[in-house]
Amino acid sequence: MTSWRMEMNRFYGKMGKNPYPFQVESELSPPVATPFQVLLYYRYVRIENPEAFLKEHRQLCESLGLRGRIIVGDEGINGTVSGPTEATGKYIEAMHDDPRFAEMEFKIDDAEGHVFPKMSIKVRDEIVRLGLDEEFDIDPNEVTGERLSPAEFYRKMQEEEVVIIDGRNDYEAELGRFKNAICPQIDNFRDFPEWLRDHAKELRGKKILTYCTGGIRCEKLSGLIRKGGFDNVYQLDGGIVKYGKDPEVRGRDFEGLCYVFDERVGVEVNRTETRKVISHCRYCGTEEPRYGNCKWPECNEQIFVCPGCREEHGLFCSNECREGLANREAGT
């Protein structure tokens, strides 16, 4: 289990909230102004002194009352924050005033309040970890897949000899994904190089489309695929989040919900039709859109279990986890 996934699981437990408060937006409901906003953004750009930048940036975020998670490195910034609408507006303005981030795109969601418990800003070697040795690492400013707008991505999906690769972890794809997408069974982004080596033969001669939540993982993933000798490689510019907001495609052909790393857990994407639930109860197989964490503390896996099966089996991913907790409580 990834450290960020474990951190969010602990967050749900500490907050004592419903761990799946999905915000499903009705196509017929007019937009309503909300007092808070959630920002999702990234930029691959050289930051000469990440530690000094972090110190100044923390002061900016704290002065505005923002919460969230920001990763800084010498290759750029990767962040998602929540805050009062006036504060997020000032944050965007401050970032755009910096020449390094003048063209950085912000994806904005309305919210009723904070969706993070605190502000976390850290320096990392990579702003999204692919885990390659330095000599083989991917610089998206030098090599990456061709960026497609949502409309271009939708049209490209309809073509022949197309392979759509989900660039996220398996538990994210389980909640929602594009129709006909290949969803690698990986628990961490850094597992992709090995997966690509194992599946290179079946991808040869195909047009390869990649997508992820906000676009940042595909910057490196599509570049990795290109460096592997593939020519027709594309990425969804702005990711699933931007695709769902596009006025032309309106999330068409995305099934389920988009997993996000905050207390919302899943957000609506497809606004063209009745929402399709693609996740199912682990026990009985009925449609179930709500995640819960396995009650065995040593596991804490996010799983789908319907209300009826929760009563019968409890919120456990397996009999082993159920027995493990029972033995601990019994002192055996």
C-alpha atoms as a PDB file:
ATOM      1  CA  MET A   1       0.000   0.000   0.000  1.00  0.00           C
ATOM      2  CA  THR A   2       1.382   3.419  -0.924  1.00  0.00           C
ATOM      3  CA  SER A   3       2.308   5.829   1.860  1.00  0.00           C
ATOM      4  CA  TRP A   4      -0.126   8.496   0.588  1.00  0.00           C
ATOM      5  CA  ARG A   5      -2.928   5.923   0.428  1.00  0.00           C
ATOM      6  CA  MET A   6      -2.172   4.898   4.012  1.00  0.00           C
ATOM      7  CA  GLU A   7      -2.089   8.559   5.053  1.00  0.00           C
ATOM      8  CA  MET A   8      -5.544   9.154   3.590  1.00  0.00           C
ATOM      9  CA  ASN A   9      -6.870   5.990   5.272  1.00  0.00           C
ATOM     10  CA  ARG A  10      -5.626   7.261   8.624  1.00  0.00           C
ATOM     11  CA  PHE A  11      -7.205  10.624   7.845  1.00  0.00           C
ATOM     12  CA  TYR A  12     -10.659   9.091   7.338  1.00  0.00           C
ATOM     13  CA  GLY A  13     -10.391   7.314  10.668  1.00  0.00           C
ATOM     14  CA  LYS A  14      -9.278  10.413  12.568  1.00  0.00           C
ATOM     15  CA  MET A  15     -11.950  12.609  11.062  1.00  0.00           C
ATOM     16  CA  GLY A  16     -14.676  10.179  12.098  1.00  0.00           C
ATOM     17  CA  LYS A  17     -16.544  10.944   8.885  1.00  0.00           C
ATOM     18  CA  ASN A  18     -18.349   8.910   6.317  1.00  0.00           C
ATOM     19  CA  PRO A  19     -15.367   7.691   4.243  1.00  0.00           C
ATOM     20  CA  TYR A  20     -17.199   8.054   0.953  1.00  0.00           C
ATOM     21  CA  PRO A  21     -19.067  11.390   0.868  1.00  0.00           C
ATOM     22  CA  PHE A  22     -19.341  11.461  -2.921  1.00  0.00           C
ATOM     23  CA  GLN A  23     -20.348  14.760  -4.488  1.00  0.00           C
ATOM     24  CA  VAL A  24     -22.504  13.687  -7.389  1.00  0.00           C
ATOM     25  CA  GLU A  25     -23.466  16.551  -9.633  1.00  0.00           C
ATOM     26  CA  SER A  26     -26.792  16.363 -11.416  1.00  0.00           C
ATOM     27  CA  GLU A  27     -26.803  17.363 -15.076  1.00  0.00           C
ATOM     28  CA  LEU A  28     -30.054  19.228 -14.488  1.00  0.00           C
ATOM     29  CA  SER A  29     -28.919  21.127 -11.419  1.00  0.00           C
ATOM     30  CA  PRO A  30     -27.549  24.634 -12.050  1.00  0.00           C
ATOM     31  CA  PRO A  31     -24.122  25.391 -10.570  1.00  0.00           C
ATOM     32  CA  VAL A  32     -24.273  26.839  -7.072  1.00  0.00           C
ATOM     33  CA  ALA A  33     -21.587  29.121  -5.704  1.00  0.00           C
ATOM     34  CA  THR A  34     -19.790  27.551  -2.748  1.00  0.00           C
ATOM     35  CA  PRO A  35     -17.596  29.175  -0.111  1.00  0.00           C
ATOM     36  CA  PHE A  36     -14.571  26.914  -0.725  1.00  0.00           C
ATOM     37  CA  GLN A  37     -12.603  25.633  -3.693  1.00  0.00           C
ATOM     38  CA  VAL A  38     -10.277  22.709  -4.356  1.00  0.00           C
ATOM     39  CA  LEU A  39      -7.294  23.338  -6.646  1.00  0.00           C
ATOM     40  CA  LEU A  40      -5.380  20.645  -8.529  1.00  0.00           C
ATOM     41  CA  TYR A  41      -2.200  21.657 -10.367  1.00  0.00           C
ATOM     42  CA  TYR A  42       1.365  20.792 -11.360  1.00  0.00           C
ATOM     43  CA  ARG A  43       4.250  22.226 -13.335  1.00  0.00           C
ATOM     44  CA  TYR A  44       7.473  20.644 -14.542  1.00  0.00           C
ATOM     45  CA  VAL A  45       9.913  23.522 -14.265  1.00  0.00           C
ATOM     46  CA  ARG A  46      13.373  23.940 -12.780  1.00  0.00           C
ATOM     47  CA  ILE A  47      13.387  24.993  -9.106  1.00  0.00           C
ATOM     48  CA  GLU A  48      16.981  25.736  -8.128  1.00  0.00           C
ATOM     49  CA  ASN A  49      16.606  25.506  -4.355  1.00  0.00           C
ATOM     50  CA  PRO A  50      13.560  23.373  -3.417  1.00  0.00           C
ATOM     51  CA  GLU A  51      14.187  23.704   0.334  1.00  0.00           C
ATOM     52  CA  ALA A  52      14.184  27.511   0.222  1.00  0.00           C
ATOM     53  CA  PHE A  53      11.153  27.474  -2.060  1.00  0.00           C
ATOM     54  CA  LEU A  54       9.325  25.179   0.368  1.00  0.00           C
ATOM     55  CA  LYS A  55       9.907  27.549   3.275  1.00  0.00           C
ATOM     56  CA  GLU A  56       8.527  30.555   1.380  1.00  0.00           C
ATOM     57  CA  HIS A  57       5.656  28.548  -0.064  1.00  0.00           C
ATOM     58  CA  ARG A  58       4.616  27.237   3.323  1.00  0.00           C
ATOM     59  CA  GLN A  59       4.379  30.815   4.576  1.00  0.00           C
ATOM     60  CA  LEU A  60       2.184  31.739   1.600  1.00  0.00           C
ATOM     61  CA  CYS A  61      -0.178  28.781   2.156  1.00  0.00           C
ATOM     62  CA  GLU A  62      -0.424  29.363   5.905  1.00  0.00           C
ATOM     63  CA  SER A  63      -1.134  33.073   5.419  1.00  0.00           C
ATOM     64  CA  LEU A  64      -4.061  32.146   3.163  1.00  0.00           C
ATOM     65  CA  GLY A  65      -5.392  29.376   5.410  1.00  0.00           C
ATOM     66  CA  LEU A  66      -4.968  26.665   2.784  1.00  0.00           C
ATOM     67  CA  ARG A  67      -4.825  22.940   3.458  1.00  0.00           C
ATOM     68  CA  GLY A  68      -3.680  20.138   1.214  1.00  0.00           C
ATOM     69  CA  ARG A  69      -0.664  18.266  -0.065  1.00  0.00           C
ATOM     70  CA  ILE A  70       2.159  19.824  -2.084  1.00  0.00           C
ATOM     71  CA  ILE A  71       5.286  18.080  -3.361  1.00  0.00           C
ATOM     72  CA  VAL A  72       8.248  20.237  -4.406  1.00  0.00           C
ATOM     73  CA  GLY A  73      11.411  19.126  -6.184  1.00  0.00           C
ATOM     74  CA  ASP A  74      14.071  20.491  -8.450  1.00  0.00           C
ATOM     75  CA  GLU A  75      11.917  19.283 -11.361  1.00  0.00           C
ATOM     76  CA  GLY A  76       8.823  21.286 -10.349  1.00  0.00           C
ATOM     77  CA  ILE A  77       5.712  21.318  -8.170  1.00  0.00           C
ATOM     78  CA  ASN A  78       2.722  19.005  -7.745  1.00  0.00           C
ATOM     79  CA  GLY A  79      -0.141  20.080  -5.521  1.00  0.00           C
ATOM     80  CA  THR A  80      -3.753  19.939  -4.486  1.00  0.00           C
ATOM     81  CA  VAL A  81      -5.136  22.349  -1.890  1.00  0.00           C
ATOM     82  CA  SER A  82      -8.453  23.513  -0.506  1.00  0.00           C
ATOM     83  CA  GLY A  83      -9.432  26.829   0.977  1.00  0.00           C
ATOM     84  CA  PRO A  84     -11.946  29.685   0.999  1.00  0.00           C
ATOM     85  CA  THR A  85     -12.674  30.896  -2.521  1.00  0.00           C
ATOM     86  CA  GLU A  86     -11.086  34.290  -1.912  1.00  0.00           C
ATOM     87  CA  ALA A  87      -7.934  32.602  -0.584  1.00  0.00           C
ATOM     88  CA  THR A  88      -7.624  30.167  -3.505  1.00  0.00           C
ATOM     89  CA  GLY A  89      -8.006  33.101  -5.891  1.00  0.00           C
ATOM     90  CA  LYS A  90      -5.127  34.902  -4.174  1.00  0.00           C
ATOM     91  CA  TYR A  91      -3.052  31.726  -4.305  1.00  0.00           C
ATOM     92  CA  ILE A  92      -3.582  31.365  -8.053  1.00  0.00           C
ATOM     93  CA  GLU A  93      -2.685  35.022  -8.550  1.00  0.00           C
ATOM     94  CA  ALA A  94       0.487  34.669  -6.459  1.00  0.00           C
ATOM     95  CA  MET A  95       1.602  31.594  -8.384  1.00  0.00           C
ATOM     96  CA  HIS A  96       0.944  33.171 -11.755  1.00  0.00           C
ATOM     97  CA  ASP A  97       2.985  36.205 -10.714  1.00  0.00           C
ATOM     98  CA  ASP A  98       6.010  33.887 -10.524  1.00  0.00           C
ATOM     99  CA  PRO A  99       7.470  33.530 -14.058  1.00  0.00           C
ATOM    100  CA  ARG A 100       8.146  29.831 -13.415  1.00  0.00           C
ATOM    101  CA  PHE A 101       4.429  29.173 -12.923  1.00  0.00           C
ATOM    102  CA  ALA A 102       2.893  31.881 -15.096  1.00  0.00           C
ATOM    103  CA  GLU A 103       1.341  29.319 -17.451  1.00  0.00           C
ATOM    104  CA  MET A 104       0.423  26.719 -14.828  1.00  0.00           C
ATOM    105  CA  GLU A 105      -3.130  25.450 -15.226  1.00  0.00           C
ATOM    106  CA  PHE A 106      -5.375  25.126 -12.180  1.00  0.00           C
ATOM    107  CA  LYS A 107      -8.275  22.684 -12.182  1.00  0.00           C
ATOM    108  CA  ILE A 108     -10.930  24.026  -9.835  1.00  0.00           C
ATOM    109  CA  ASP A 109     -13.755  22.270  -7.989  1.00  0.00           C
ATOM    110  CA  ASP A 110     -16.283  23.945  -5.731  1.00  0.00           C
ATOM    111  CA  ALA A 111     -16.606  22.660  -2.161  1.00  0.00           C
ATOM    112  CA  GLU A 112     -18.569  23.390   1.001  1.00  0.00           C
ATOM    113  CA  GLY A 113     -15.457  23.335   3.187  1.00  0.00           C
ATOM    114  CA  HIS A 114     -11.912  22.034   3.459  1.00  0.00           C
ATOM    115  CA  VAL A 115     -11.341  18.562   2.010  1.00  0.00           C
ATOM    116  CA  PHE A 116      -7.975  18.115   3.757  1.00  0.00           C
ATOM    117  CA  PRO A 117      -7.245  17.966   7.491  1.00  0.00           C
ATOM    118  CA  LYS A 118      -4.004  19.969   7.315  1.00  0.00           C
ATOM    119  CA  MET A 119      -1.324  21.398   5.044  1.00  0.00           C
ATOM    120  CA  SER A 120       1.582  19.131   4.089  1.00  0.00           C
ATOM    121  CA  ILE A 121       4.463  20.463   1.974  1.00  0.00           C
ATOM    122  CA  LYS A 122       7.449  18.207   1.323  1.00  0.00           C
ATOM    123  CA  VAL A 123      10.586  18.135  -0.821  1.00  0.00           C
ATOM    124  CA  ARG A 124      11.020  14.984  -2.902  1.00  0.00           C
ATOM    125  CA  ASP A 125      13.451  13.859  -5.601  1.00  0.00           C
ATOM    126  CA  GLU A 126      10.476  13.448  -7.960  1.00  0.00           C
ATOM    127  CA  ILE A 127       7.163  15.298  -7.822  1.00  0.00           C
ATOM    128  CA  VAL A 128       5.538  12.073  -8.961  1.00  0.00           C
ATOM    129  CA  ARG A 129       7.638   9.012  -8.280  1.00  0.00           C
ATOM    130  CA  LEU A 130       8.498   6.789 -11.244  1.00  0.00           C
ATOM    131  CA  GLY A 131      11.638   5.484  -9.552  1.00  0.00           C
ATOM    132  CA  LEU A 132      14.018   5.317 -12.516  1.00  0.00           C
ATOM    133  CA  ASP A 133      17.763   5.765 -12.143  1.00  0.00           C
ATOM    134  CA  GLU A 134      18.861   9.331 -12.824  1.00  0.00           C
ATOM    135  CA  GLU A 135      20.354   8.513 -16.228  1.00  0.00           C
ATOM    136  CA  PHE A 136      17.076   6.919 -17.364  1.00  0.00           C
ATOM    137  CA  ASP A 137      14.653   9.381 -15.740  1.00  0.00           C
ATOM    138  CA  ILE A 138      12.065  11.164 -17.867  1.00  0.00           C
ATOM    139  CA  ASP A 139      12.060  14.942 -18.313  1.00  0.00           C
ATOM    140  CA  PRO A 140       8.603  15.809 -19.716  1.00  0.00           C
ATOM    141  CA  ASN A 141      10.040  19.032 -21.120  1.00  0.00           C
ATOM    142  CA  GLU A 142      12.240  16.916 -23.396  1.00  0.00           C
ATOM    143  CA  VAL A 143      10.206  13.794 -24.137  1.00  0.00           C
ATOM    144  CA  THR A 144       6.531  13.097 -23.588  1.00  0.00           C
ATOM    145  CA  GLY A 145       3.489  11.937 -25.502  1.00  0.00           C
ATOM    146  CA  GLU A 146       1.521  14.262 -27.749  1.00  0.00           C
ATOM    147  CA  ARG A 147      -0.987  16.175 -25.637  1.00  0.00           C
ATOM    148  CA  LEU A 148      -4.609  15.853 -26.711  1.00  0.00           C
ATOM    149  CA  SER A 149      -7.471  18.106 -25.674  1.00  0.00           C
ATOM    150  CA  PRO A 150     -10.533  16.317 -24.251  1.00  0.00           C
ATOM    151  CA  ALA A 151     -12.289  16.514 -27.623  1.00  0.00           C
ATOM    152  CA  GLU A 152      -9.222  15.208 -29.459  1.00  0.00           C
ATOM    153  CA  PHE A 153      -8.817  12.417 -26.918  1.00  0.00           C
ATOM    154  CA  TYR A 154     -12.443  11.371 -27.326  1.00  0.00           C
ATOM    155  CA  ARG A 155     -12.121  11.246 -31.119  1.00  0.00           C
ATOM    156  CA  LYS A 156      -8.853   9.331 -30.916  1.00  0.00           C
ATOM    157  CA  MET A 157     -10.499   6.719 -28.647  1.00  0.00           C
ATOM    158  CA  GLN A 158     -12.918   5.912 -31.493  1.00  0.00           C
ATOM    159  CA  GLU A 159     -10.162   5.059 -33.966  1.00  0.00           C
ATOM    160  CA  GLU A 160      -8.968   1.556 -34.851  1.00  0.00           C
ATOM    161  CA  GLU A 161      -5.809  -0.022 -33.397  1.00  0.00           C
ATOM    162  CA  VAL A 162      -6.055   2.143 -30.287  1.00  0.00           C
ATOM    163  CA  VAL A 163      -4.951   1.050 -26.812  1.00  0.00           C
ATOM    164  CA  ILE A 164      -6.090   3.142 -23.838  1.00  0.00           C
ATOM    165  CA  ILE A 165      -3.860   2.785 -20.778  1.00  0.00           C
ATOM    166  CA  ASP A 166      -4.963   3.918 -17.346  1.00  0.00           C
ATOM    167  CA  GLY A 167      -1.906   5.553 -15.764  1.00  0.00           C
ATOM    168  CA  ARG A 168      -3.153   5.242 -12.181  1.00  0.00           C
ATOM    169  CA  ASN A 169      -3.034   2.624  -9.449  1.00  0.00           C
ATOM    170  CA  ASP A 170      -5.422  -0.334  -9.517  1.00  0.00           C
ATOM    171  CA  TYR A 171      -7.658   0.848  -6.655  1.00  0.00           C
ATOM    172  CA  GLU A 172      -8.250   4.156  -8.471  1.00  0.00           C
ATOM    173  CA  ALA A 173      -9.304   2.388 -11.672  1.00  0.00           C
ATOM    174  CA  GLU A 174     -11.612   0.107  -9.696  1.00  0.00           C
ATOM    175  CA  LEU A 175     -13.768   3.115  -8.786  1.00  0.00           C
ATOM    176  CA  GLY A 176     -13.884   4.592 -12.288  1.00  0.00           C
ATOM    177  CA  ARG A 177     -12.170   4.404 -15.689  1.00  0.00           C
ATOM    178  CA  PHE A 178     -12.614   5.006 -19.394  1.00  0.00           C
ATOM    179  CA  LYS A 179     -14.595   2.450 -21.356  1.00  0.00           C
ATOM    180  CA  ASN A 180     -12.346  -0.248 -22.862  1.00  0.00           C
ATOM    181  CA  ALA A 181      -9.264   0.971 -20.988  1.00  0.00           C
ATOM    182  CA  ILE A 182      -6.448  -1.340 -19.942  1.00  0.00           C
ATOM    183  CA  CYS A 183      -6.012  -0.958 -16.182  1.00  0.00           C
ATOM    184  CA  PRO A 184      -2.696  -2.481 -15.057  1.00  0.00           C
ATOM    185  CA  GLN A 185      -2.869  -4.326 -11.756  1.00  0.00           C
ATOM    186  CA  ILE A 186      -0.310  -2.160 -10.010  1.00  0.00           C
ATOM    187  CA  ASP A 187      -0.413  -0.628  -6.542  1.00  0.00           C
ATOM    188  CA  ASN A 188       2.171   2.069  -7.221  1.00  0.00           C
ATOM    189  CA  PHE A 189       3.110   4.299 -10.148  1.00  0.00           C
ATOM    190  CA  ARG A 190       6.739   3.170  -9.975  1.00  0.00           C
ATOM    191  CA  ASP A 191       5.593  -0.339 -11.007  1.00  0.00           C
ATOM    192  CA  PHE A 192       4.834   0.896 -14.534  1.00  0.00           C
ATOM    193  CA  PRO A 193       8.330   0.373 -16.055  1.00  0.00           C
ATOM    194  CA  GLU A 194       8.160  -3.340 -15.245  1.00  0.00           C
ATOM    195  CA  TRP A 195       4.564  -3.606 -16.486  1.00  0.00           C
ATOM    196  CA  LEU A 196       5.525  -1.956 -19.783  1.00  0.00           C
ATOM    197  CA  ARG A 197       8.458  -4.318 -20.280  1.00  0.00           C
ATOM    198  CA  ASP A 198       6.142  -7.291 -19.732  1.00  0.00           C
ATOM    199  CA  HIS A 199       3.512  -6.014 -22.183  1.00  0.00           C
ATOM    200  CA  ALA A 200       5.638  -4.288 -24.847  1.00  0.00           C
ATOM    201  CA  LYS A 201       5.037  -6.993 -27.446  1.00  0.00           C
ATOM    202  CA  GLU A 202       1.257  -6.688 -27.355  1.00  0.00           C
ATOM    203  CA  LEU A 203       1.430  -2.882 -27.591  1.00  0.00           C
ATOM    204  CA  ARG A 204       3.603  -2.788 -30.710  1.00  0.00           C
ATOM    205  CA  GLY A 205       1.943  -1.195 -33.735  1.00  0.00           C
ATOM    206  CA  LYS A 206      -0.839   0.377 -31.680  1.00  0.00           C
ATOM    207  CA  LYS A 207      -1.823   3.970 -31.067  1.00  0.00           C
ATOM    208  CA  ILE A 208      -1.316   4.359 -27.334  1.00  0.00           C
ATOM    209  CA  LEU A 209      -3.479   6.756 -25.329  1.00  0.00           C
ATOM    210  CA  THR A 210      -2.642   7.423 -21.682  1.00  0.00           C
ATOM    211  CA  TYR A 211      -4.671   9.159 -19.002  1.00  0.00           C
ATOM    212  CA  CYS A 212      -4.550   9.833 -15.260  1.00  0.00           C
ATOM    213  CA  THR A 213      -6.338  12.037 -12.721  1.00  0.00           C
ATOM    214  CA  GLY A 214      -4.900  15.478 -13.472  1.00  0.00           C
ATOM    215  CA  GLY A 215      -2.305  14.810 -16.156  1.00  0.00           C
ATOM    216  CA  ILE A 216       0.956  14.755 -14.199  1.00  0.00           C
ATOM    217  CA  ARG A 217       1.577  11.003 -14.202  1.00  0.00           C
ATOM    218  CA  CYS A 218       1.014  10.786 -17.952  1.00  0.00           C
ATOM    219  CA  GLU A 219       3.707  13.408 -18.539  1.00  0.00           C
ATOM    220  CA  LYS A 220       6.279  10.807 -17.474  1.00  0.00           C
ATOM    221  CA  LEU A 221       4.347   7.662 -18.407  1.00  0.00           C
ATOM    222  CA  SER A 222       3.870   8.696 -22.036  1.00  0.00           C
ATOM    223  CA  GLY A 223       7.522   9.770 -22.182  1.00  0.00           C
ATOM    224  CA  LEU A 224       8.563   6.385 -20.801  1.00  0.00           C
ATOM    225  CA  ILE A 225       6.532   4.637 -23.501  1.00  0.00           C
ATOM    226  CA  ARG A 226       8.088   6.795 -26.209  1.00  0.00           C
ATOM    227  CA  LYS A 227      11.596   6.064 -24.946  1.00  0.00           C
ATOM    228  CA  GLY A 228      10.651   2.390 -25.170  1.00  0.00           C
ATOM    229  CA  GLY A 229      10.504   2.730 -28.940  1.00  0.00           C
ATOM    230  CA  PHE A 230       6.828   3.530 -29.495  1.00  0.00           C
ATOM    231  CA  ASP A 231       5.907   6.316 -31.919  1.00  0.00           C
ATOM    232  CA  ASN A 232       2.145   6.905 -31.679  1.00  0.00           C
ATOM    233  CA  VAL A 233       1.897   7.892 -28.021  1.00  0.00           C
ATOM    234  CA  TYR A 234      -0.617  10.401 -26.665  1.00  0.00           C
ATOM    235  CA  GLN A 235      -1.705  11.765 -23.307  1.00  0.00           C
ATOM    236  CA  LEU A 236      -4.956  13.325 -22.136  1.00  0.00           C
ATOM    237  CA  ASP A 237      -3.979  16.916 -21.388  1.00  0.00           C
ATOM    238  CA  GLY A 238      -5.284  17.887 -17.954  1.00  0.00           C
ATOM    239  CA  GLY A 239      -6.373  14.346 -17.156  1.00  0.00           C
ATOM    240  CA  ILE A 240      -9.764  12.981 -16.187  1.00  0.00           C
ATOM    241  CA  VAL A 241     -10.632  16.078 -14.157  1.00  0.00           C
ATOM    242  CA  LYS A 242     -10.319  18.394 -17.160  1.00  0.00           C
ATOM    243  CA  TYR A 243     -12.073  15.868 -19.420  1.00  0.00           C
ATOM    244  CA  GLY A 244     -15.124  15.891 -17.159  1.00  0.00           C
ATOM    245  CA  LYS A 245     -15.321  19.679 -17.180  1.00  0.00           C
ATOM    246  CA  ASP A 246     -14.937  20.092 -20.938  1.00  0.00           C
ATOM    247  CA  PRO A 247     -18.143  21.626 -22.382  1.00  0.00           C
ATOM    248  CA  GLU A 248     -17.945  19.562 -25.566  1.00  0.00           C
ATOM    249  CA  VAL A 249     -17.267  16.009 -24.349  1.00  0.00           C
ATOM    250  CA  ARG A 250     -18.656  16.438 -20.800  1.00  0.00           C
ATOM    251  CA  GLY A 251     -16.954  13.280 -19.559  1.00  0.00           C
ATOM    252  CA  ARG A 252     -18.372  11.002 -22.250  1.00  0.00           C
ATOM    253  CA  ASP A 253     -17.287   7.330 -22.061  1.00  0.00           C
ATOM    254  CA  PHE A 254     -15.906   7.619 -18.527  1.00  0.00           C
ATOM    255  CA  GLU A 255     -17.563   5.013 -16.331  1.00  0.00           C
ATOM    256  CA  GLY A 256     -17.910   5.312 -12.573  1.00  0.00           C
ATOM    257  CA  LEU A 257     -16.297   8.034 -10.455  1.00  0.00           C
ATOM    258  CA  CYS A 258     -12.844   9.578 -10.487  1.00  0.00           C
ATOM    259  CA  TYR A 259     -10.805   8.697  -7.407  1.00  0.00           C
ATOM    260  CA  VAL A 260      -9.311  11.752  -5.680  1.00  0.00           C
ATOM    261  CA  PHE A 261      -6.882  11.858  -2.755  1.00  0.00           C
ATOM    262  CA  ASP A 262      -8.980  13.846  -0.313  1.00  0.00           C
ATOM    263  CA  GLU A 263     -12.082  13.327   1.810  1.00  0.00           C
ATOM    264  CA  ARG A 264     -14.380  13.390  -1.227  1.00  0.00           C
ATOM    265  CA  VAL A 265     -12.818  10.090  -2.383  1.00  0.00           C
ATOM    266  CA  GLY A 266     -14.755  10.057  -5.668  1.00  0.00           C
ATOM    267  CA  VAL A 267     -16.052  12.839  -7.940  1.00  0.00           C
ATOM    268  CA  GLU A 268     -18.396  12.817 -10.897  1.00  0.00           C
ATOM    269  CA  VAL A 269     -16.935  12.897 -14.429  1.00  0.00           C
ATOM    270  CA  ASN A 270     -19.522  11.765 -16.985  1.00  0.00           C
ATOM    271  CA  ARG A 271     -22.249  14.393 -17.260  1.00  0.00           C
ATOM    272  CA  THR A 272     -23.827  13.075 -20.453  1.00  0.00           C
ATOM    273  CA  GLU A 273     -25.836  10.186 -19.063  1.00  0.00           C
ATOM    274  CA  THR A 274     -27.014   8.480 -15.885  1.00  0.00           C
ATOM    275  CA  ARG A 275     -23.973   7.645 -13.781  1.00  0.00           C
ATOM    276  CA  LYS A 276     -22.858   4.059 -14.257  1.00  0.00           C
ATOM    277  CA  VAL A 277     -21.563   2.217 -11.189  1.00  0.00           C
ATOM    278  CA  ILE A 278     -18.704  -0.105 -12.161  1.00  0.00           C
ATOM    279  CA  SER A 279     -17.494  -1.138  -8.704  1.00  0.00           C
ATOM    280  CA  HIS A 280     -19.020  -4.164  -6.975  1.00  0.00           C
ATOM    281  CA  CYS A 281     -19.335  -5.643  -3.506  1.00  0.00           C
ATOM    282  CA  ARG A 282     -16.458  -7.972  -2.721  1.00  0.00           C
ATOM    283  CA  TYR A 283     -18.825 -10.613  -1.302  1.00  0.00           C
ATOM    284  CA  CYS A 284     -22.063 -10.681  -3.308  1.00  0.00           C
ATOM    285  CA  GLY A 285     -21.058  -8.815  -6.463  1.00  0.00           C
ATOM    286  CA  THR A 286     -23.867  -6.240  -6.418  1.00  0.00           C
ATOM    287  CA  GLU A 287     -23.126  -2.702  -7.559  1.00  0.00           C
ATOM    288  CA  GLU A 288     -21.547  -0.720  -4.738  1.00  0.00           C
ATOM    289  CA  PRO A 289     -19.960   2.748  -5.225  1.00  0.00           C
ATOM    290  CA  ARG A 290     -18.790   3.296  -1.643  1.00  0.00           C
ATOM    291  CA  TYR A 291     -15.290   2.576  -0.451  1.00  0.00           C
ATOM    292  CA  GLY A 292     -14.564   1.507   3.113  1.00  0.00           C
ATOM    293  CA  ASN A 293     -11.338   0.530   4.875  1.00  0.00           C
ATOM    294  CA  CYS A 294     -10.804  -3.054   6.047  1.00  0.00           C
ATOM    295  CA  LYS A 295     -11.171  -3.027   9.845  1.00  0.00           C
ATOM    296  CA  TRP A 296      -8.048  -5.129  10.379  1.00  0.00           C
ATOM    297  CA  PRO A 297      -5.477  -2.391  11.206  1.00  0.00           C
ATOM    298  CA  GLU A 298      -2.611  -4.342   9.669  1.00  0.00           C
ATOM    299  CA  CYS A 299      -4.450  -4.313   6.338  1.00  0.00           C
ATOM    300  CA  ASN A 300      -6.636  -1.182   6.066  1.00  0.00           C
ATOM    301  CA  GLU A 301      -7.229  -1.933   2.369  1.00  0.00           C
ATOM    302  CA  GLN A 302      -9.904   0.135   0.658  1.00  0.00           C
ATOM    303  CA  ILE A 303     -12.701  -2.213  -0.413  1.00  0.00           C
ATOM    304  CA  PHE A 304     -16.275  -2.207  -1.674  1.00  0.00           C
ATOM    305  CA  VAL A 305     -18.758  -4.004   0.609  1.00  0.00           C
ATOM    306  CA  CYS A 306     -22.499  -3.400   0.315  1.00  0.00           C
ATOM    307  CA  PRO A 307     -24.612  -2.629   3.440  1.00  0.00           C
ATOM    308  CA  GLY A 308     -26.096  -6.143   3.593  1.00  0.00           C
ATOM    309  CA  CYS A 309     -22.722  -7.837   3.435  1.00  0.00           C
ATOM    310  CA  ARG A 310     -21.306  -5.415   5.980  1.00  0.00           C
ATOM    311  CA  GLU A 311     -23.931  -6.672   8.412  1.00  0.00           C
ATOM    312  CA  GLU A 312     -23.224 -10.312   7.573  1.00  0.00           C
ATOM    313  CA  HIS A 313     -19.439 -10.294   7.156  1.00  0.00           C
ATOM    314  CA  GLY A 314     -18.308  -6.992   8.626  1.00  0.00           C
ATOM    315  CA  LEU A 315     -16.087  -4.535   6.799  1.00  0.00           C
ATOM    316  CA  PHE A 316     -13.236  -6.939   6.097  1.00  0.00           C
ATOM    317  CA  CYS A 317     -11.492  -7.781   2.866  1.00  0.00           C
ATOM    318  CA  SER A 318     -11.031 -11.459   3.824  1.00  0.00           C
ATOM    319  CA  ASN A 319     -11.693 -14.089   6.476  1.00  0.00           C
ATOM    320  CA  GLU A 320      -8.030 -13.835   7.505  1.00  0.00           C
ATOM    321  CA  CYS A 321      -8.444 -10.153   8.387  1.00  0.00           C
ATOM    322  CA  ARG A 322     -11.691 -10.832  10.244  1.00  0.00           C
ATOM    323  CA  GLU A 323     -10.050 -13.611  12.246  1.00  0.00           C
ATOM    324  CA  GLY A 324      -6.970 -11.496  12.877  1.00  0.00           C
ATOM    325  CA  LEU A 325      -9.009  -8.759  14.552  1.00  0.00           C
ATOM    326  CA  ALA A 326     -11.087 -11.286  16.501  1.00  0.00           C
ATOM    327  CA  ASN A 327      -7.931 -12.973  17.814  1.00  0.00           C
ATOM    328  CA  ARG A 328      -6.400  -9.660  18.805  1.00  0.00           C
ATOM    329  CA  GLU A 329      -9.525  -8.598  20.689  1.00  0.00           C
ATOM    330  CA  ALA A 330      -9.637 -12.017  22.409  1.00  0.00           C
ATOM    331  CA  GLY A 331      -5.968 -11.713  23.366  1.00  0.00           C
ATOM    332  CA  THR A 332      -4.961 -14.867  21.519  1.00  0.00           C
END
